[in-house]
Amino acid sequence: MRKVTIRITDRQYERLEMLVKAGEFPSVSEAIRTAIREFVDSNREIIEKVENLQLYS
């Protein structure tokens, strides 16, 4: 697993903390990981196209 450093606004972090406090996620890190998984899943077609192009390069 890789470690990535990001910068977000105070308001974005506060909103993530609100989700944790509401019991939606066990931690801010898990909320961010979930958001990234959903983003990657929603762009699956693009990722598959790139993977296929790399197979034939």
PDB file of N, CA and C in Angstrom:
ATOM      1  N   MET A   1       0.847  -1.175   0.000  1.00  0.00           N
ATOM      2  CA  MET A   1       0.000   0.000   0.000  1.00  0.00           C
ATOM      3  C   MET A   1       0.889   1.233   0.000  1.00  0.00           C
ATOM      4  N   ARG A   2       0.479   2.225  -0.781  1.00  0.00           N
ATOM      5  CA  ARG A   2       1.254   3.468  -0.857  1.00  0.00           C
ATOM      6  C   ARG A   2       0.657   4.542   0.044  1.00  0.00           C
ATOM      7  N   LYS A   3       1.529   5.413   0.476  1.00  0.00           N
ATOM      8  CA  LYS A   3       1.103   6.555   1.273  1.00  0.00           C
ATOM      9  C   LYS A   3       1.112   7.776   0.367  1.00  0.00           C
ATOM     10  N   VAL A   4       0.019   8.540   0.387  1.00  0.00           N
ATOM     11  CA  VAL A   4      -0.117   9.728  -0.448  1.00  0.00           C
ATOM     12  C   VAL A   4      -0.461  10.904   0.457  1.00  0.00           C
ATOM     13  N   THR A   5       0.174  12.026   0.216  1.00  0.00           N
ATOM     14  CA  THR A   5      -0.109  13.235   0.978  1.00  0.00           C
ATOM     15  C   THR A   5      -0.940  14.164   0.104  1.00  0.00           C
ATOM     16  N   ILE A   6      -2.031  14.696   0.664  1.00  0.00           N
ATOM     17  CA  ILE A   6      -2.879  15.633  -0.074  1.00  0.00           C
ATOM     18  C   ILE A   6      -3.137  16.857   0.793  1.00  0.00           C
ATOM     19  N   ARG A   7      -3.542  17.926   0.144  1.00  0.00           N
ATOM     20  CA  ARG A   7      -3.941  19.132   0.861  1.00  0.00           C
ATOM     21  C   ARG A   7      -5.418  19.363   0.559  1.00  0.00           C
ATOM     22  N   ILE A   8      -6.200  19.559   1.604  1.00  0.00           N
ATOM     23  CA  ILE A   8      -7.607  19.908   1.449  1.00  0.00           C
ATOM     24  C   ILE A   8      -7.891  21.108   2.342  1.00  0.00           C
ATOM     25  N   THR A   9      -8.991  21.767   2.058  1.00  0.00           N
ATOM     26  CA  THR A   9      -9.321  22.951   2.864  1.00  0.00           C
ATOM     27  C   THR A   9      -9.771  22.520   4.257  1.00  0.00           C
ATOM     28  N   ASP A  10      -9.720  23.477   5.173  1.00  0.00           N
ATOM     29  CA  ASP A  10     -10.204  23.206   6.529  1.00  0.00           C
ATOM     30  C   ASP A  10     -11.665  22.768   6.489  1.00  0.00           C
ATOM     31  N   ARG A  11     -12.455  23.414   5.650  1.00  0.00           N
ATOM     32  CA  ARG A  11     -13.885  23.093   5.558  1.00  0.00           C
ATOM     33  C   ARG A  11     -14.086  21.660   5.050  1.00  0.00           C
ATOM     34  N   GLN A  12     -13.302  21.252   4.061  1.00  0.00           N
ATOM     35  CA  GLN A  12     -13.423  19.877   3.573  1.00  0.00           C
ATOM     36  C   GLN A  12     -13.083  18.875   4.675  1.00  0.00           C
ATOM     37  N   TYR A  13     -12.031  19.159   5.426  1.00  0.00           N
ATOM     38  CA  TYR A  13     -11.649  18.264   6.517  1.00  0.00           C
ATOM     39  C   TYR A  13     -12.735  18.226   7.597  1.00  0.00           C
ATOM     40  N   GLU A  14     -13.281  19.388   7.911  1.00  0.00           N
ATOM     41  CA  GLU A  14     -14.351  19.448   8.909  1.00  0.00           C
ATOM     42  C   GLU A  14     -15.554  18.615   8.468  1.00  0.00           C
ATOM     43  N   ARG A  15     -15.880  18.674   7.193  1.00  0.00           N
ATOM     44  CA  ARG A  15     -17.004  17.891   6.684  1.00  0.00           C
ATOM     45  C   ARG A  15     -16.710  16.396   6.744  1.00  0.00           C
ATOM     46  N   LEU A  16     -15.482  16.025   6.465  1.00  0.00           N
ATOM     47  CA  LEU A  16     -15.106  14.618   6.603  1.00  0.00           C
ATOM     48  C   LEU A  16     -15.223  14.180   8.061  1.00  0.00           C
ATOM     49  N   GLU A  17     -14.776  15.039   8.978  1.00  0.00           N
ATOM     50  CA  GLU A  17     -14.907  14.724  10.402  1.00  0.00           C
ATOM     51  C   GLU A  17     -16.369  14.575  10.808  1.00  0.00           C
ATOM     52  N   MET A  18     -17.246  15.381  10.221  1.00  0.00           N
ATOM     53  CA  MET A  18     -18.678  15.267  10.508  1.00  0.00           C
ATOM     54  C   MET A  18     -19.203  13.888  10.111  1.00  0.00           C
ATOM     55  N   LEU A  19     -18.739  13.381   8.973  1.00  0.00           N
ATOM     56  CA  LEU A  19     -19.153  12.044   8.539  1.00  0.00           C
ATOM     57  C   LEU A  19     -18.666  10.973   9.511  1.00  0.00           C
ATOM     58  N   VAL A  20     -17.464  11.176  10.034  1.00  0.00           N
ATOM     59  CA  VAL A  20     -16.929  10.234  11.030  1.00  0.00           C
ATOM     60  C   VAL A  20     -17.760  10.309  12.302  1.00  0.00           C
ATOM     61  N   LYS A  21     -18.025  11.512  12.775  1.00  0.00           N
ATOM     62  CA  LYS A  21     -18.814  11.681  13.998  1.00  0.00           C
ATOM     63  C   LYS A  21     -20.225  11.123  13.852  1.00  0.00           C
ATOM     64  N   ALA A  22     -20.768  11.174  12.611  1.00  0.00           N
ATOM     65  CA  ALA A  22     -22.112  10.655  12.354  1.00  0.00           C
ATOM     66  C   ALA A  22     -22.117   9.130  12.252  1.00  0.00           C
ATOM     67  N   GLY A  23     -20.915   8.537  12.287  1.00  0.00           N
ATOM     68  CA  GLY A  23     -20.820   7.084  12.237  1.00  0.00           C
ATOM     69  C   GLY A  23     -20.801   6.496  10.838  1.00  0.00           C
ATOM     70  N   GLU A  24     -20.653   7.356   9.833  1.00  0.00           N
ATOM     71  CA  GLU A  24     -20.627   6.869   8.445  1.00  0.00           C
ATOM     72  C   GLU A  24     -19.305   6.187   8.096  1.00  0.00           C
ATOM     73  N   PHE A  25     -18.237   6.619   8.741  1.00  0.00           N
ATOM     74  CA  PHE A  25     -16.901   6.068   8.503  1.00  0.00           C
ATOM     75  C   PHE A  25     -16.170   5.966   9.824  1.00  0.00           C
ATOM     76  N   PRO A  26     -15.266   4.995   9.942  1.00  0.00           N
ATOM     77  CA  PRO A  26     -14.517   4.871  11.190  1.00  0.00           C
ATOM     78  C   PRO A  26     -13.424   5.942  11.356  1.00  0.00           C
ATOM     79  N   SER A  27     -13.003   6.536  10.229  1.00  0.00           N
ATOM     80  CA  SER A  27     -11.950   7.548  10.287  1.00  0.00           C
ATOM     81  C   SER A  27     -12.013   8.426   9.042  1.00  0.00           C
ATOM     82  N   VAL A  28     -11.355   9.569   9.108  1.00  0.00           N
ATOM     83  CA  VAL A  28     -11.258  10.447   7.942  1.00  0.00           C
ATOM     84  C   VAL A  28     -10.512   9.726   6.825  1.00  0.00           C
ATOM     85  N   SER A  29      -9.464   9.004   7.168  1.00  0.00           N
ATOM     86  CA  SER A  29      -8.706   8.270   6.154  1.00  0.00           C
ATOM     87  C   SER A  29      -9.585   7.281   5.408  1.00  0.00           C
ATOM     88  N   GLU A  30     -10.448   6.582   6.136  1.00  0.00           N
ATOM     89  CA  GLU A  30     -11.332   5.613   5.483  1.00  0.00           C
ATOM     90  C   GLU A  30     -12.348   6.315   4.595  1.00  0.00           C
ATOM     91  N   ALA A  31     -12.821   7.470   4.994  1.00  0.00           N
ATOM     92  CA  ALA A  31     -13.741   8.243   4.154  1.00  0.00           C
ATOM     93  C   ALA A  31     -13.059   8.631   2.845  1.00  0.00           C
ATOM     94  N   ILE A  32     -11.808   9.056   2.928  1.00  0.00           N
ATOM     95  CA  ILE A  32     -11.054   9.437   1.727  1.00  0.00           C
ATOM     96  C   ILE A  32     -10.804   8.218   0.850  1.00  0.00           C
ATOM     97  N   ARG A  33     -10.430   7.081   1.459  1.00  0.00           N
ATOM     98  CA  ARG A  33     -10.215   5.856   0.677  1.00  0.00           C
ATOM     99  C   ARG A  33     -11.491   5.447  -0.054  1.00  0.00           C
ATOM    100  N   THR A  34     -12.626   5.572   0.617  1.00  0.00           N
ATOM    101  CA  THR A  34     -13.908   5.235  -0.003  1.00  0.00           C
ATOM    102  C   THR A  34     -14.193   6.160  -1.182  1.00  0.00           C
ATOM    103  N   ALA A  35     -13.940   7.440  -1.004  1.00  0.00           N
ATOM    104  CA  ALA A  35     -14.161   8.404  -2.086  1.00  0.00           C
ATOM    105  C   ALA A  35     -13.281   8.073  -3.293  1.00  0.00           C
ATOM    106  N   ILE A  36     -12.044   7.690  -3.045  1.00  0.00           N
ATOM    107  CA  ILE A  36     -11.134   7.342  -4.139  1.00  0.00           C
ATOM    108  C   ILE A  36     -11.605   6.075  -4.839  1.00  0.00           C
ATOM    109  N   ARG A  37     -12.021   5.052  -4.063  1.00  0.00           N
ATOM    110  CA  ARG A  37     -12.539   3.821  -4.677  1.00  0.00           C
ATOM    111  C   ARG A  37     -13.727   4.122  -5.570  1.00  0.00           C
ATOM    112  N   GLU A  38     -14.650   4.947  -5.090  1.00  0.00           N
ATOM    113  CA  GLU A  38     -15.837   5.285  -5.878  1.00  0.00           C
ATOM    114  C   GLU A  38     -15.466   6.073  -7.129  1.00  0.00           C
ATOM    115  N   PHE A  39     -14.490   6.976  -7.017  1.00  0.00           N
ATOM    116  CA  PHE A  39     -14.028   7.744  -8.174  1.00  0.00           C
ATOM    117  C   PHE A  39     -13.413   6.819  -9.220  1.00  0.00           C
ATOM    118  N   VAL A  40     -12.557   5.924  -8.776  1.00  0.00           N
ATOM    119  CA  VAL A  40     -11.914   4.985  -9.705  1.00  0.00           C
ATOM    120  C   VAL A  40     -12.965   4.083 -10.349  1.00  0.00           C
ATOM    121  N   ASP A  41     -13.901   3.576  -9.556  1.00  0.00           N
ATOM    122  CA  ASP A  41     -14.969   2.733 -10.102  1.00  0.00           C
ATOM    123  C   ASP A  41     -15.804   3.479 -11.136  1.00  0.00           C
ATOM    124  N   SER A  42     -16.080   4.747 -10.901  1.00  0.00           N
ATOM    125  CA  SER A  42     -16.902   5.516 -11.833  1.00  0.00           C
ATOM    126  C   SER A  42     -16.159   5.839 -13.129  1.00  0.00           C
ATOM    127  N   ASN A  43     -14.849   5.661 -13.124  1.00  0.00           N
ATOM    128  CA  ASN A  43     -14.028   5.902 -14.318  1.00  0.00           C
ATOM    129  C   ASN A  43     -13.437   4.607 -14.868  1.00  0.00           C
ATOM    130  N   ARG A  44     -14.077   3.511 -14.561  1.00  0.00           N
ATOM    131  CA  ARG A  44     -13.581   2.184 -14.945  1.00  0.00           C
ATOM    132  C   ARG A  44     -13.379   2.046 -16.451  1.00  0.00           C
ATOM    133  N   GLU A  45     -14.305   2.576 -17.253  1.00  0.00           N
ATOM    134  CA  GLU A  45     -14.182   2.444 -18.710  1.00  0.00           C
ATOM    135  C   GLU A  45     -12.906   3.101 -19.219  1.00  0.00           C
ATOM    136  N   ILE A  46     -12.600   4.273 -18.714  1.00  0.00           N
ATOM    137  CA  ILE A  46     -11.375   4.975 -19.129  1.00  0.00           C
ATOM    138  C   ILE A  46     -10.153   4.176 -18.714  1.00  0.00           C
ATOM    139  N   ILE A  47     -10.162   3.669 -17.507  1.00  0.00           N
ATOM    140  CA  ILE A  47      -9.029   2.888 -17.002  1.00  0.00           C
ATOM    141  C   ILE A  47      -8.823   1.647 -17.858  1.00  0.00           C
ATOM    142  N   GLU A  48      -9.914   0.970 -18.212  1.00  0.00           N
ATOM    143  CA  GLU A  48      -9.801  -0.234 -19.038  1.00  0.00           C
ATOM    144  C   GLU A  48      -9.257   0.098 -20.418  1.00  0.00           C
ATOM    145  N   LYS A  49      -9.652   1.233 -20.994  1.00  0.00           N
ATOM    146  CA  LYS A  49      -9.114   1.647 -22.293  1.00  0.00           C
ATOM    147  C   LYS A  49      -7.604   1.854 -22.208  1.00  0.00           C
ATOM    148  N   VAL A  50      -7.168   2.529 -21.162  1.00  0.00           N
ATOM    149  CA  VAL A  50      -5.729   2.779 -20.984  1.00  0.00           C
ATOM    150  C   VAL A  50      -4.990   1.464 -20.781  1.00  0.00           C
ATOM    151  N   GLU A  51      -5.554   0.569 -19.975  1.00  0.00           N
ATOM    152  CA  GLU A  51      -4.918  -0.736 -19.757  1.00  0.00           C
ATOM    153  C   GLU A  51      -4.795  -1.493 -21.058  1.00  0.00           C
ATOM    154  N   ASN A  52      -5.833  -1.468 -21.889  1.00  0.00           N
ATOM    155  CA  ASN A  52      -5.782  -2.163 -23.177  1.00  0.00           C
ATOM    156  C   ASN A  52      -4.749  -1.554 -24.107  1.00  0.00           C
ATOM    157  N   LEU A  53      -4.623  -0.242 -24.095  1.00  0.00           N
ATOM    158  CA  LEU A  53      -3.612   0.408 -24.927  1.00  0.00           C
ATOM    159  C   LEU A  53      -2.206   0.000 -24.496  1.00  0.00           C
ATOM    160  N   GLN A  54      -2.001  -0.144 -23.191  1.00  0.00           N
ATOM    161  CA  GLN A  54      -0.686  -0.528 -22.680  1.00  0.00           C
ATOM    162  C   GLN A  54      -0.341  -1.962 -23.047  1.00  0.00           C
ATOM    163  N   LEU A  55      -1.352  -2.807 -23.181  1.00  0.00           N
ATOM    164  CA  LEU A  55      -1.110  -4.196 -23.577  1.00  0.00           C
ATOM    165  C   LEU A  55      -0.539  -4.286 -24.982  1.00  0.00           C
ATOM    166  N   TYR A  56      -0.928  -3.362 -25.843  1.00  0.00           N
ATOM    167  CA  TYR A  56      -0.519  -3.426 -27.231  1.00  0.00           C
ATOM    168  C   TYR A  56       0.630  -2.485 -27.556  1.00  0.00           C
ATOM    169  N   SER A  57       1.236  -1.863 -26.569  1.00  0.00           N
ATOM    170  CA  SER A  57       2.357  -0.955 -26.825  1.00  0.00           C
ATOM    171  C   SER A  57       3.665  -1.693 -26.791  1.00  0.00           C
TER     172      SER A  57
END
